[in-house]
Amino acid sequence: MIRRNYAKSFDGFKNRILSKIMVLTMIQLINKLNNKNINKLKTCIV
């Protein structure tokens, strides 16, 4: 997921990591609420 660090500071890098974790958690929650497999991240909206 993270190939290069383009952040100018550690706070920018930390925010990037936290936002990715939050988005993945939200996708898993949406899948759980729709009774779908929570590991299928690419097909959550379809």
Protein backbone atom coordinates (compact mmCIF):
# COMPACT_ATOMS: atom_id res chain seq x y z
CA MET A 1 0.00 0.00 0.00
CA ILE A 2 2.71 2.47 0.90
CA ARG A 3 5.51 2.46 -1.62
CA ARG A 4 7.11 5.86 -1.14
CA ASN A 5 6.88 8.38 1.61
CA TYR A 6 6.04 11.77 0.10
CA ALA A 7 5.20 13.32 3.45
CA LYS A 8 7.23 16.35 4.47
CA SER A 9 6.96 15.54 8.17
CA PHE A 10 6.19 12.65 10.47
CA ASP A 11 2.73 14.12 11.15
CA GLY A 12 1.91 13.94 7.44
CA PHE A 13 3.09 10.35 7.27
CA LYS A 14 1.11 9.47 10.41
CA ASN A 15 -2.05 11.06 8.98
CA ARG A 16 -1.65 9.09 5.77
CA ILE A 17 -1.36 5.79 7.65
CA LEU A 18 -4.29 6.58 9.95
CA SER A 19 -6.54 7.59 7.05
CA LYS A 20 -5.83 4.33 5.21
CA ILE A 21 -6.62 2.30 8.33
CA MET A 22 -9.84 4.26 8.86
CA VAL A 23 -11.00 3.75 5.27
CA LEU A 24 -10.32 0.01 5.38
CA THR A 25 -12.22 -0.27 8.66
CA MET A 26 -15.20 1.63 7.24
CA ILE A 27 -15.29 -0.63 4.16
CA GLN A 28 -15.28 -3.69 6.41
CA LEU A 29 -18.12 -2.21 8.47
CA ILE A 30 -20.19 -1.53 5.34
CA ASN A 31 -19.62 -5.11 4.17
CA LYS A 32 -20.62 -6.49 7.57
CA LEU A 33 -23.82 -4.43 7.62
CA ASN A 34 -24.69 -5.72 4.14
CA ASN A 35 -23.99 -9.35 5.16
CA LYS A 36 -21.06 -9.67 2.75
CA ASN A 37 -17.58 -11.03 3.28
CA ILE A 38 -15.64 -8.31 5.11
CA ASN A 39 -12.38 -9.21 3.34
CA LYS A 40 -13.69 -8.35 -0.13
CA LEU A 41 -12.69 -4.71 -0.10
CA LYS A 42 -13.05 -3.99 -3.81
CA THR A 43 -16.66 -5.15 -4.07
CA CYS A 44 -18.14 -3.36 -1.06
CA ILE A 45 -20.27 -0.86 -2.97
CA VAL A 46 -21.35 -3.14 -5.81
